Amino acid sequence: MKIVYVASGAAGMYCGMCLHDNTLARALLAAGEEVLLTPTYTPLRTDEPNVSTLPPMMFGGINVYLQQKSALFRHTPWFLDRLLDSPALINFATKFAPTVDASKLGPMTVSMLQGEDGHQRKEMSKLVEWLKTERPDVVHLSNSMLLGMAGPIRRALRVPVVCSLSGEDIFLEKLIPPYYEQARQLLRDRAGDVEAFTSLNRYYADYMTEYMDLDRIRVHIIPHGLNMQGHGMRPARAAGEPFTIGYFAHVCPEKGLHLLAEAFRILCENRDLPPVRLVAAGYLGKGDREYLDTITQQLASWGLGDRFQYLGEPDRDEKIRILQTFDLMSVPAVYRESKGLSILEALANGVPVVQPAHGSYPEMVHDTGGGVLCAPENPHDLAEKLERFVRNPALAEEHGRRGHAAIRERYTDVRMAAQTIELYRKLVADAAGTRGGSSAATLQPDRTLA
């Protein structure tokens, strides 16, 4: 089976869905499928071997922007566009670009969802022509913001189109009128061009079913799976070493490092507490450096500066090494997380978690048994839950072992690839039956795919 997977680059940052898409593509290739992982906007950045295909660069960010801003660039020859689609040029441009501000991207968001009726219709034509030469059996779009592509692809190739649901609401909810209303309506309208949607968990499947006015039967749960190479039970903490509370995620207000810092202050007010420290790591964008500086200065003002360390933006091997130094991890996100991949990575290394009781976290914690929940945006409750583990390391080890076992059983890249292949094959068979004039059975999600 030949699969074209159309992914969205994230302008040089580590993005949960980019990591997921690359891991899935690698696992599909390992399973013997023919896969082309095709980036849009910008090249993908991953911490595993990158299997994306360049060239061609589809919907290159420079061309998309220029065609939005000027009618002139909607008619330039394709050979000139290819120069602007140079991955090196795009990476250079995004390196110095400001942080993405959704409130300013309403017109472009609407235009992209309009597909062949939008300002980027030339880019749509290029994608369709390239797909015709590749002749895939199925096309998978990595998020619903790409739904403007689904109709033209489906009509030109007559193959199933699949779309992942991957946290788009966080961006969409920041759009301003009238673009917010227009984008929401276009999502509902374009959803009919897709044969099936996938979600990493039931929480987000249910949420987006209502958000996009979907029939829930069309949304299939395929949990994220980790490449388990390198992951393993963390070593026992050396005698005399402080208990390490970790944070591994994008360092930004939305992920809640400031809440963890406040909970750490409350925790450290207990004078009889065993030695404890706070360690953070993860992607830090230019726009969030002041945020981290504020947290660092605040911890210093509380007399805790020597107990906090930010370890930067590690590669995969270093990430696993850092995770295995944690005794406990918390990413107290203020928004309702749709993915939470770093939580799975912590559990894969036997590190228990304390997570807010919203979004995908309750489902994740309950399914793995790898931690406990706390009240969202409540540093006092978070501190109380952290203290339970600090005072009882054996409890932390027990939750860590449960989480580690659950990840190895149910959250591997091999299992994720097998479930995805099963969905693709059913859709391809259904499409062949429809073209042949026979009626195909309706797919039943959450039966063997969840």
Protein backbone atom coordinates (compact mmCIF):
# COMPACT_ATOMS: atom_id res chain seq x y z
CA MET A 1 0.00 0.00 0.00
CA LYS A 2 1.32 3.43 -0.92
CA ILE A 3 0.60 6.21 1.56
CA VAL A 4 1.21 9.94 1.24
CA TYR A 5 1.19 11.58 4.66
CA VAL A 6 0.90 15.39 4.44
CA ALA A 7 2.32 16.97 7.60
CA SER A 8 2.60 20.54 8.88
CA GLY A 9 6.01 21.90 9.76
CA ALA A 10 6.25 24.02 12.91
CA ALA A 11 8.75 26.71 11.92
CA GLY A 12 11.79 25.09 13.52
CA MET A 13 10.27 24.18 16.87
CA TYR A 14 9.73 20.73 18.31
CA CYS A 15 6.03 20.08 17.78
CA GLY A 16 4.15 17.16 19.29
CA MET A 17 2.35 16.36 16.06
CA CYS A 18 5.54 16.59 13.95
CA LEU A 19 7.14 14.07 16.31
CA HIS A 20 4.05 11.86 16.10
CA ASP A 21 3.86 12.03 12.30
CA ASN A 22 7.52 11.13 11.86
CA THR A 23 7.32 8.26 14.37
CA LEU A 24 4.22 6.90 12.64
CA ALA A 25 5.77 7.18 9.17
CA ARG A 26 8.92 5.36 10.33
CA ALA A 27 6.83 2.60 11.89
CA LEU A 28 4.73 2.23 8.72
CA LEU A 29 7.90 1.96 6.66
CA ALA A 30 9.25 -0.66 9.07
CA ALA A 31 5.99 -2.58 8.65
CA GLY A 32 6.64 -2.80 4.91
CA GLU A 33 4.37 -0.04 3.64
CA GLU A 34 5.47 2.55 1.08
CA VAL A 35 5.21 5.96 2.77
CA LEU A 36 5.99 9.49 1.66
CA LEU A 37 5.96 11.91 4.61
CA THR A 38 5.48 15.26 2.89
CA PRO A 39 5.98 18.50 4.86
CA THR A 40 4.00 21.67 4.27
CA TYR A 41 4.86 25.26 5.30
CA THR A 42 8.29 24.39 6.75
CA PRO A 43 10.51 21.31 7.00
CA LEU A 44 9.76 19.03 9.95
CA ARG A 45 11.96 19.08 13.02
CA THR A 46 12.14 15.80 14.91
CA ASP A 47 14.39 14.22 17.53
CA GLU A 48 14.44 10.88 15.70
CA PRO A 49 15.79 10.13 12.19
CA ASN A 50 13.70 12.30 9.87
CA VAL A 51 11.96 10.30 7.13
CA SER A 52 10.19 13.24 5.47
CA THR A 53 10.74 13.68 1.73
CA LEU A 54 12.31 16.88 0.37
CA PRO A 55 11.97 17.94 -2.37
CA PRO A 56 9.23 18.62 -3.17
CA MET A 57 8.22 21.18 -0.53
CA MET A 58 4.45 21.51 -0.70
CA PHE A 59 2.72 24.74 0.34
CA GLY A 60 6.09 26.23 1.27
CA GLY A 61 5.68 28.88 3.94
CA ILE A 62 7.22 31.72 1.90
CA ASN A 63 5.02 31.07 -1.12
CA VAL A 64 1.90 30.64 1.01
CA TYR A 65 2.58 33.97 2.73
CA LEU A 66 3.39 35.89 -0.47
CA GLN A 67 0.35 34.51 -2.29
CA GLN A 68 -1.81 35.58 0.63
CA LYS A 69 -0.42 39.10 0.58
CA SER A 70 -0.07 39.84 -3.15
CA ALA A 71 -1.98 38.81 -6.27
CA LEU A 72 1.31 39.01 -8.19
CA PHE A 73 2.67 35.88 -6.51
CA ARG A 74 -0.49 33.94 -7.29
CA HIS A 75 0.58 33.92 -10.95
CA THR A 76 4.36 33.52 -10.81
CA PRO A 77 5.84 30.57 -12.74
CA TRP A 78 6.37 27.36 -10.83
CA PHE A 79 10.14 27.37 -11.38
CA LEU A 80 10.36 30.63 -9.42
CA ASP A 81 8.19 29.16 -6.67
CA ARG A 82 10.59 26.23 -6.38
CA LEU A 83 13.41 28.64 -5.54
CA LEU A 84 11.31 30.08 -2.71
CA ASP A 85 10.50 26.55 -1.53
CA SER A 86 14.15 25.84 -0.76
CA PRO A 87 14.22 24.21 2.71
CA ALA A 88 17.37 26.17 3.58
CA LEU A 89 15.69 29.47 2.65
CA ILE A 90 12.52 28.61 4.58
CA ASN A 91 14.49 27.58 7.66
CA PHE A 92 16.48 30.81 7.46
CA ALA A 93 13.32 32.91 7.14
CA THR A 94 11.51 31.21 10.03
CA LYS A 95 14.59 31.41 12.26
CA PHE A 96 14.18 35.18 12.44
CA ALA A 97 10.39 35.28 12.23
CA PRO A 98 8.37 36.38 15.28
CA THR A 99 6.36 33.91 17.32
CA VAL A 100 3.19 32.79 15.51
CA ASP A 101 0.25 34.98 16.55
CA ALA A 102 -3.04 33.29 15.68
CA SER A 103 -4.97 36.54 16.13
CA LYS A 104 -3.16 37.93 13.07
CA LEU A 105 -3.51 34.85 10.88
CA GLY A 106 -7.27 34.81 10.36
CA PRO A 107 -7.26 35.71 6.65
CA MET A 108 -4.61 33.10 5.82
CA THR A 109 -6.34 30.43 7.90
CA VAL A 110 -9.62 30.99 6.07
CA SER A 111 -7.88 31.07 2.70
CA MET A 112 -6.12 27.75 3.34
CA LEU A 113 -9.39 26.12 4.41
CA GLN A 114 -10.99 27.37 1.20
CA GLY A 115 -8.56 25.17 -0.73
CA GLU A 116 -8.83 25.67 -4.49
CA ASP A 117 -11.06 28.68 -3.86
CA GLY A 118 -8.44 30.41 -1.70
CA HIS A 119 -5.43 32.55 -2.53
CA GLN A 120 -3.16 29.49 -2.46
CA ARG A 121 -4.97 27.72 -5.30
CA LYS A 122 -1.72 27.52 -7.27
CA GLU A 123 -0.16 25.54 -4.42
CA MET A 124 -3.18 23.26 -4.42
CA SER A 125 -2.67 22.58 -8.13
CA LYS A 126 0.99 21.69 -7.52
CA LEU A 127 0.07 19.25 -4.78
CA VAL A 128 -2.59 17.53 -6.89
CA GLU A 129 -0.27 17.23 -9.90
CA TRP A 130 2.47 15.74 -7.76
CA LEU A 131 0.05 13.27 -6.16
CA LYS A 132 -1.12 12.17 -9.60
CA THR A 133 2.45 11.16 -10.44
CA GLU A 134 2.86 9.30 -7.12
CA ARG A 135 -0.52 7.54 -7.31
CA PRO A 136 -1.03 6.79 -3.61
CA ASP A 137 -3.67 4.39 -2.30
CA VAL A 138 -4.50 6.73 0.59
CA VAL A 139 -3.66 10.32 1.58
CA HIS A 140 -3.44 11.29 5.26
CA LEU A 141 -3.61 14.94 6.39
CA SER A 142 -1.93 15.58 9.74
CA ASN A 143 -4.52 18.07 11.05
CA SER A 144 -7.89 19.58 10.18
CA MET A 145 -6.34 22.94 9.26
CA LEU A 146 -5.36 21.17 6.01
CA LEU A 147 -8.94 20.17 5.17
CA GLY A 148 -9.00 22.59 2.25
CA MET A 149 -6.82 20.03 0.44
CA ALA A 150 -9.16 17.10 0.96
CA GLY A 151 -11.80 17.83 -1.70
CA PRO A 152 -9.40 18.50 -4.60
CA ILE A 153 -7.33 15.43 -3.68
CA ARG A 154 -10.36 13.19 -3.43
CA ARG A 155 -11.85 14.36 -6.73
CA ALA A 156 -8.57 14.16 -8.66
CA LEU A 157 -7.28 10.84 -7.31
CA ARG A 158 -10.44 9.05 -6.15
CA VAL A 159 -8.62 7.65 -3.12
CA PRO A 160 -9.55 7.79 0.57
CA VAL A 161 -8.45 10.87 2.50
CA VAL A 162 -7.83 10.55 6.25
CA CYS A 163 -7.38 13.48 8.63
CA SER A 164 -5.85 13.54 12.13
CA LEU A 165 -7.37 15.66 14.88
CA SER A 166 -4.44 17.08 16.80
CA GLY A 167 -5.13 20.13 18.93
CA GLU A 168 -6.29 22.57 16.28
CA ASP A 169 -8.85 24.18 18.58
CA ILE A 170 -6.07 25.88 20.59
CA PHE A 171 -5.11 27.87 17.49
CA LEU A 172 -8.64 28.37 16.19
CA GLU A 173 -9.95 29.76 19.48
CA LYS A 174 -7.44 32.63 19.19
CA LEU A 175 -8.76 33.81 15.81
CA ILE A 176 -10.69 37.06 15.83
CA PRO A 177 -14.04 37.83 14.11
CA PRO A 178 -15.05 37.38 11.38
CA TYR A 179 -12.31 34.85 10.64
CA TYR A 180 -13.09 32.65 13.63
CA GLU A 181 -16.70 32.11 12.52
CA GLN A 182 -15.63 31.62 8.88
CA ALA A 183 -12.97 29.07 9.81
CA ARG A 184 -15.34 27.09 12.02
CA GLN A 185 -17.92 26.92 9.22
CA LEU A 186 -15.31 25.87 6.66
CA LEU A 187 -14.14 23.08 8.95
CA ARG A 188 -17.69 21.76 9.12
CA ASP A 189 -18.17 22.11 5.36
CA ARG A 190 -14.85 20.49 4.38
CA ALA A 191 -15.20 17.60 6.86
CA GLY A 192 -17.43 15.84 4.35
CA ASP A 193 -14.45 15.48 1.98
CA VAL A 194 -12.72 13.09 4.41
CA GLU A 195 -13.46 9.36 4.75
CA ALA A 196 -12.20 9.06 8.32
CA PHE A 197 -10.66 11.07 11.13
CA THR A 198 -8.18 9.81 13.70
CA SER A 199 -7.55 10.98 17.25
CA LEU A 200 -4.92 10.02 19.83
CA ASN A 201 -7.52 9.64 22.59
CA ARG A 202 -11.24 9.53 23.30
CA TYR A 203 -11.28 12.92 24.99
CA TYR A 204 -10.25 14.77 21.85
CA ALA A 205 -12.32 12.56 19.56
CA ASP A 206 -15.43 13.45 21.54
CA TYR A 207 -14.49 17.12 21.78
CA MET A 208 -13.84 17.57 18.06
CA THR A 209 -16.93 15.57 17.14
CA GLU A 210 -18.96 18.36 18.69
CA TYR A 211 -16.59 21.17 17.63
CA MET A 212 -16.77 20.19 13.95
CA ASP A 213 -20.29 18.73 13.99
CA LEU A 214 -19.03 15.28 12.98
CA ASP A 215 -20.66 11.89 13.12
CA ARG A 216 -18.72 10.20 15.94
CA ILE A 217 -18.59 6.94 14.00
CA ARG A 218 -16.16 8.61 11.58
CA VAL A 219 -13.56 9.31 14.29
CA HIS A 220 -11.17 6.46 15.11
CA ILE A 221 -8.98 6.25 18.20
CA ILE A 222 -5.36 5.32 17.48
CA PRO A 223 -3.19 6.17 20.52
CA HIS A 224 0.29 7.54 20.02
CA GLY A 225 3.02 4.93 20.04
CA LEU A 226 6.62 5.46 21.07
CA ASN A 227 9.74 4.12 19.44
CA MET A 228 10.91 2.22 22.51
CA GLN A 229 14.60 2.18 21.58
CA GLY A 230 16.54 3.70 24.48
CA HIS A 231 13.56 3.96 26.83
CA GLY A 232 13.68 1.82 29.96
CA MET A 233 13.20 1.82 33.71
CA ARG A 234 15.13 4.67 35.28
CA PRO A 235 17.94 3.67 37.63
CA ALA A 236 17.44 3.93 41.37
CA ARG A 237 18.28 7.31 42.88
CA ALA A 238 21.69 7.35 44.49
CA ALA A 239 21.85 7.68 48.27
CA GLY A 240 21.96 11.32 49.30
CA GLU A 241 20.67 12.61 45.99
CA PRO A 242 17.70 15.03 46.24
CA PHE A 243 14.28 13.94 45.01
CA THR A 244 13.97 15.40 41.48
CA ILE A 245 10.70 16.86 40.25
CA GLY A 246 10.91 17.26 36.48
CA TYR A 247 9.21 19.24 33.75
CA PHE A 248 9.69 18.29 30.09
CA ALA A 249 7.67 20.23 27.52
CA HIS A 250 7.64 23.43 25.48
CA VAL A 251 8.57 26.18 27.93
CA CYS A 252 5.64 28.57 27.59
CA PRO A 253 2.78 29.89 29.75
CA GLU A 254 0.30 27.45 28.23
CA LYS A 255 2.25 24.46 29.54
CA GLY A 256 2.22 25.80 33.09
CA LEU A 257 5.84 25.84 34.27
CA HIS A 258 4.96 28.89 36.38
CA LEU A 259 2.33 26.81 38.21
CA LEU A 260 4.86 24.08 38.90
CA ALA A 261 7.31 26.69 40.21
CA GLU A 262 4.65 28.06 42.58
CA ALA A 263 3.77 24.53 43.73
CA PHE A 264 7.48 23.90 44.30
CA ARG A 265 7.65 26.99 46.54
CA ILE A 266 4.67 25.76 48.57
CA LEU A 267 6.21 22.30 48.81
CA CYS A 268 9.54 23.66 50.05
CA GLU A 269 7.84 25.52 52.92
CA ASN A 270 7.69 22.14 54.68
CA ARG A 271 10.87 22.25 56.75
CA ASP A 272 10.87 18.50 57.44
CA LEU A 273 10.70 17.63 53.73
CA PRO A 274 13.54 15.49 52.29
CA PRO A 275 15.90 17.33 49.90
CA VAL A 276 14.10 18.18 46.66
CA ARG A 277 14.93 20.01 43.44
CA LEU A 278 13.13 21.17 40.27
CA VAL A 279 14.57 20.47 36.81
CA ALA A 280 13.05 21.66 33.52
CA ALA A 281 13.90 20.98 29.88
CA GLY A 282 12.23 21.45 26.50
CA TYR A 283 11.90 23.76 23.53
CA LEU A 284 12.24 27.45 24.35
CA GLY A 285 11.21 29.94 21.66
CA LYS A 286 12.50 33.50 21.48
CA GLY A 287 9.15 34.87 22.55
CA ASP A 288 9.15 32.81 25.76
CA ARG A 289 12.65 33.57 27.05
CA GLU A 290 11.33 36.40 29.19
CA TYR A 291 8.77 33.99 30.65
CA LEU A 292 11.52 31.58 31.74
CA ASP A 293 13.64 34.46 33.07
CA THR A 294 10.71 35.63 35.20
CA ILE A 295 10.27 32.16 36.69
CA THR A 296 14.00 31.84 37.37
CA GLN A 297 14.10 35.24 39.08
CA GLN A 298 11.00 34.43 41.11
CA LEU A 299 12.48 31.16 42.36
CA ALA A 300 15.66 33.03 43.30
CA SER A 301 13.65 35.62 45.23
CA TRP A 302 12.08 32.75 47.21
CA GLY A 303 15.53 31.44 48.09
CA LEU A 304 15.12 28.47 45.74
CA GLY A 305 17.39 29.54 42.89
CA ASP A 306 19.99 26.89 43.70
CA ARG A 307 17.33 24.17 43.58
CA PHE A 308 16.17 24.94 40.01
CA GLN A 309 17.86 24.14 36.71
CA TYR A 310 16.80 24.54 33.06
CA LEU A 311 18.68 22.04 30.88
CA GLY A 312 17.78 23.45 27.47
CA GLU A 313 16.53 21.73 24.34
CA PRO A 314 18.05 18.23 24.20
CA ASP A 315 18.27 15.72 21.37
CA ARG A 316 16.54 12.37 21.75
CA ASP A 317 19.33 10.54 23.58
CA GLU A 318 19.84 13.43 25.98
CA LYS A 319 16.07 13.73 26.47
CA ILE A 320 15.86 10.10 27.61
CA ARG A 321 18.88 10.58 29.87
CA ILE A 322 17.22 13.63 31.47
CA LEU A 323 13.90 11.85 31.92
CA GLN A 324 15.66 9.00 33.69
CA THR A 325 17.04 11.45 36.27
CA PHE A 326 13.50 12.46 37.28
CA ASP A 327 11.79 10.85 40.25
CA LEU A 328 8.49 12.48 39.27
CA MET A 329 7.27 14.67 36.41
CA SER A 330 4.52 17.26 36.05
CA VAL A 331 3.46 19.43 33.11
CA PRO A 332 0.50 21.37 34.60
CA ALA A 333 -0.84 22.73 31.32
CA VAL A 334 -3.51 25.42 31.65
CA TYR A 335 -5.31 24.34 28.48
CA ARG A 336 -7.01 21.05 27.70
CA GLU A 337 -4.17 19.05 26.18
CA SER A 338 -5.02 16.86 23.18
CA LYS A 339 -1.73 14.92 22.97
CA GLY A 340 0.59 14.92 26.00
CA LEU A 341 3.38 12.98 24.31
CA SER A 342 6.02 13.91 26.89
CA ILE A 343 3.84 12.32 29.58
CA LEU A 344 3.99 9.02 27.70
CA GLU A 345 7.76 9.42 27.35
CA ALA A 346 8.13 9.94 31.10
CA LEU A 347 6.07 6.81 31.81
CA ALA A 348 8.15 4.86 29.27
CA ASN A 349 11.09 5.48 31.58
CA GLY A 350 9.28 4.55 34.77
CA VAL A 351 8.75 8.16 35.85
CA PRO A 352 5.33 8.75 37.48
CA VAL A 353 3.37 11.92 36.71
CA VAL A 354 1.09 14.42 38.42
CA GLN A 355 -1.20 16.03 35.83
CA PRO A 356 -4.22 18.37 35.87
CA ALA A 357 -7.60 16.67 35.71
CA HIS A 358 -8.62 17.96 32.31
CA GLY A 359 -8.12 17.27 28.61
CA SER A 360 -6.47 13.98 27.73
CA TYR A 361 -4.66 13.63 31.05
CA PRO A 362 -7.36 11.78 33.07
CA GLU A 363 -7.70 9.20 30.31
CA MET A 364 -3.92 8.79 30.11
CA VAL A 365 -3.38 8.52 33.86
CA HIS A 366 -6.28 6.12 34.40
CA ASP A 367 -5.28 3.89 31.49
CA THR A 368 -1.63 3.58 32.52
CA GLY A 369 -1.89 3.79 36.31
CA GLY A 370 1.28 5.85 36.08
CA GLY A 371 0.38 8.79 38.29
CA VAL A 372 -2.28 10.92 39.92
CA LEU A 373 -4.41 13.92 38.98
CA CYS A 374 -4.59 17.35 40.59
CA ALA A 375 -7.01 20.26 40.35
CA PRO A 376 -6.22 22.37 37.25
CA GLU A 377 -4.43 25.69 37.81
CA ASN A 378 -4.24 25.03 41.55
CA PRO A 379 -0.64 25.17 42.83
CA HIS A 380 -1.70 24.20 46.37
CA ASP A 381 -3.35 20.97 45.23
CA LEU A 382 -0.44 20.28 42.89
CA ALA A 383 1.99 20.76 45.81
CA GLU A 384 -0.05 18.37 47.95
CA LYS A 385 0.09 15.66 45.26
CA LEU A 386 3.82 16.19 44.73
CA GLU A 387 4.42 15.89 48.46
CA ARG A 388 2.80 12.45 48.55
CA PHE A 389 5.49 11.11 46.24
CA VAL A 390 8.37 13.05 47.79
CA ARG A 391 7.56 11.59 51.22
CA ASN A 392 6.93 8.10 49.84
CA PRO A 393 9.48 7.19 47.13
CA ALA A 394 8.17 3.62 47.12
CA LEU A 395 4.79 4.96 45.94
CA ALA A 396 6.53 6.84 43.14
CA GLU A 397 8.34 3.67 42.10
CA GLU A 398 5.09 1.67 42.11
CA HIS A 399 3.31 4.18 39.82
CA GLY A 400 6.40 4.35 37.64
CA ARG A 401 6.46 0.58 37.17
CA ARG A 402 2.75 0.54 36.27
CA GLY A 403 3.22 3.30 33.72
CA HIS A 404 6.27 1.65 32.20
CA ALA A 405 4.43 -1.66 31.77
CA ALA A 406 1.39 0.04 30.21
CA ILE A 407 3.50 1.93 27.67
CA ARG A 408 5.33 -1.21 26.58
CA GLU A 409 2.02 -3.05 26.20
CA ARG A 410 -0.26 -0.45 24.60
CA TYR A 411 1.67 2.63 23.47
CA THR A 412 4.35 1.42 21.05
CA ASP A 413 5.02 2.56 17.50
CA VAL A 414 4.52 -1.02 16.28
CA ARG A 415 0.98 -1.13 17.70
CA MET A 416 0.21 2.37 16.39
CA ALA A 417 1.35 1.39 12.88
CA ALA A 418 -0.68 -1.84 12.93
CA GLN A 419 -3.87 0.00 13.92
CA THR A 420 -3.28 2.66 11.27
CA ILE A 421 -2.67 0.07 8.55
CA GLU A 422 -5.88 -1.70 9.55
CA LEU A 423 -7.83 1.54 9.12
CA TYR A 424 -6.19 2.31 5.76
CA ARG A 425 -6.93 -1.15 4.40
CA LYS A 426 -10.58 -0.93 5.36
CA LEU A 427 -10.91 2.46 3.71
CA VAL A 428 -9.15 1.32 0.54
CA ALA A 429 -11.35 -1.77 0.35
CA ASP A 430 -14.41 0.38 0.92
CA ALA A 431 -13.37 2.76 -1.88
CA ALA A 432 -12.75 -0.15 -4.26
CA GLY A 433 -16.14 -1.62 -3.43
CA THR A 434 -17.86 1.72 -4.05
CA ARG A 435 -16.17 2.12 -7.43
CA GLY A 436 -17.15 -1.43 -8.29
CA GLY A 437 -20.76 -0.72 -7.49
CA SER A 438 -20.97 -2.87 -4.37
CA SER A 439 -21.98 -1.60 -0.99
CA ALA A 440 -19.21 -1.47 1.61
CA ALA A 441 -19.63 -2.07 5.31
CA THR A 442 -19.54 0.94 7.57
CA LEU A 443 -16.35 1.18 9.62
CA GLN A 444 -16.84 0.67 13.32
CA PRO A 445 -14.36 2.76 15.31
CA ASP A 446 -13.02 1.88 18.76
CA ARG A 447 -13.60 -1.84 18.22
CA THR A 448 -10.14 -3.08 17.17
CA LEU A 449 -8.47 0.29 16.62
CA ALA A 450 -8.69 1.65 20.16
